[in-house]
Amino acid sequence: MLTKEILNKYPDISGVGISTAGAVDYHNGIIVAAPEAIPVFQDFNFKKLFKENFNLDCFVDNDVNSF
């Protein structure tokens, strides 16, 4: 998996930031209303995914707030 390869190459990475379209519950890291372009991410919990699989903190926010 690419994420594990990156973590092996850069072991000091401590977190991931995700900027996305749609409504985001940034406290819990969930896309609560995904647009038509990315419907598969509706109610997807990125924070949980990265913590459970890679032991990384993850911050998710709407793309407009990420500049």
C-alpha atoms as a PDB file:
ATOM      1  CA  MET A   1       0.000   0.000   0.000  1.00  0.00           C
ATOM      2  CA  LEU A   2       1.328   3.423  -0.942  1.00  0.00           C
ATOM      3  CA  THR A   3       0.657   4.958   2.493  1.00  0.00           C
ATOM      4  CA  LYS A   4       2.822   2.359   4.229  1.00  0.00           C
ATOM      5  CA  GLU A   5       5.604   2.891   1.688  1.00  0.00           C
ATOM      6  CA  ILE A   6       5.516   6.642   2.331  1.00  0.00           C
ATOM      7  CA  LEU A   7       5.547   6.124   6.108  1.00  0.00           C
ATOM      8  CA  ASN A   8       8.529   3.785   5.821  1.00  0.00           C
ATOM      9  CA  LYS A   9      10.403   6.356   3.753  1.00  0.00           C
ATOM     10  CA  TYR A  10       9.424   9.310   5.990  1.00  0.00           C
ATOM     11  CA  PRO A  11       9.009   7.923   9.535  1.00  0.00           C
ATOM     12  CA  ASP A  12       8.679  11.385  11.125  1.00  0.00           C
ATOM     13  CA  ILE A  13       5.230  11.971   9.586  1.00  0.00           C
ATOM     14  CA  SER A  14       2.817  12.445  12.469  1.00  0.00           C
ATOM     15  CA  GLY A  15      -0.421  13.322  10.722  1.00  0.00           C
ATOM     16  CA  VAL A  16      -2.425  13.833   7.565  1.00  0.00           C
ATOM     17  CA  GLY A  17      -4.498  16.778   6.370  1.00  0.00           C
ATOM     18  CA  ILE A  18      -7.365  16.314   3.939  1.00  0.00           C
ATOM     19  CA  SER A  19      -9.111  19.152   2.136  1.00  0.00           C
ATOM     20  CA  THR A  20     -12.332  18.176   0.397  1.00  0.00           C
ATOM     21  CA  ALA A  21     -15.462  19.518  -1.208  1.00  0.00           C
ATOM     22  CA  GLY A  22     -18.721  18.996   0.638  1.00  0.00           C
ATOM     23  CA  ALA A  23     -19.931  19.408   4.205  1.00  0.00           C
ATOM     24  CA  VAL A  24     -17.394  18.196   6.751  1.00  0.00           C
ATOM     25  CA  ASP A  25     -17.660  17.289  10.424  1.00  0.00           C
ATOM     26  CA  TYR A  26     -14.105  18.408  11.141  1.00  0.00           C
ATOM     27  CA  HIS A  27     -14.248  17.398  14.825  1.00  0.00           C
ATOM     28  CA  ASN A  28     -14.776  13.751  13.851  1.00  0.00           C
ATOM     29  CA  GLY A  29     -13.082  13.758  10.423  1.00  0.00           C
ATOM     30  CA  ILE A  30     -16.199  12.761   8.488  1.00  0.00           C
ATOM     31  CA  ILE A  31     -17.508  14.034   5.150  1.00  0.00           C
ATOM     32  CA  VAL A  32     -21.201  14.342   5.979  1.00  0.00           C
ATOM     33  CA  ALA A  33     -22.417  15.550   2.576  1.00  0.00           C
ATOM     34  CA  ALA A  34     -20.244  14.558  -0.364  1.00  0.00           C
ATOM     35  CA  PRO A  35     -20.780  16.246  -3.740  1.00  0.00           C
ATOM     36  CA  GLU A  36     -21.633  14.329  -6.917  1.00  0.00           C
ATOM     37  CA  ALA A  37     -17.953  14.093  -7.886  1.00  0.00           C
ATOM     38  CA  ILE A  38     -17.048  11.991  -4.814  1.00  0.00           C
ATOM     39  CA  PRO A  39     -20.221  10.218  -3.615  1.00  0.00           C
ATOM     40  CA  VAL A  40     -18.250   7.222  -2.323  1.00  0.00           C
ATOM     41  CA  PHE A  41     -16.944   9.394   0.513  1.00  0.00           C
ATOM     42  CA  GLN A  42     -20.400  10.206   1.930  1.00  0.00           C
ATOM     43  CA  ASP A  43     -20.203   9.565   5.717  1.00  0.00           C
ATOM     44  CA  PHE A  44     -16.614   8.330   5.352  1.00  0.00           C
ATOM     45  CA  ASN A  45     -14.511   8.677   8.515  1.00  0.00           C
ATOM     46  CA  PHE A  46     -10.970   9.589   7.459  1.00  0.00           C
ATOM     47  CA  LYS A  47      -9.869  10.315  11.023  1.00  0.00           C
ATOM     48  CA  LYS A  48     -10.736   6.783  12.116  1.00  0.00           C
ATOM     49  CA  LEU A  49      -9.152   5.220   9.015  1.00  0.00           C
ATOM     50  CA  PHE A  50      -5.780   6.882   9.496  1.00  0.00           C
ATOM     51  CA  LYS A  51      -5.693   6.359  13.282  1.00  0.00           C
ATOM     52  CA  GLU A  52      -6.647   2.676  13.190  1.00  0.00           C
ATOM     53  CA  ASN A  53      -4.546   1.678  10.174  1.00  0.00           C
ATOM     54  CA  PHE A  54      -1.492   3.924  10.413  1.00  0.00           C
ATOM     55  CA  ASN A  55      -1.599   5.429  13.931  1.00  0.00           C
ATOM     56  CA  LEU A  56      -1.682   8.916  12.383  1.00  0.00           C
ATOM     57  CA  ASP A  57      -3.737  11.922  13.395  1.00  0.00           C
ATOM     58  CA  CYS A  58      -5.946  13.199  10.597  1.00  0.00           C
ATOM     59  CA  PHE A  59      -7.563  16.601  10.134  1.00  0.00           C
ATOM     60  CA  VAL A  60     -10.342  16.933   7.561  1.00  0.00           C
ATOM     61  CA  ASP A  61     -11.945  20.215   6.529  1.00  0.00           C
ATOM     62  CA  ASN A  62     -13.846  21.750   3.667  1.00  0.00           C
ATOM     63  CA  ASP A  63     -11.603  22.931   0.842  1.00  0.00           C
ATOM     64  CA  VAL A  64     -12.779  26.538   1.182  1.00  0.00           C
ATOM     65  CA  ASN A  65     -11.482  26.640   4.770  1.00  0.00           C
ATOM     66  CA  SER A  66      -8.115  25.146   3.869  1.00  0.00           C
ATOM     67  CA  PHE A  67      -6.377  28.092   2.240  1.00  0.00           C
END
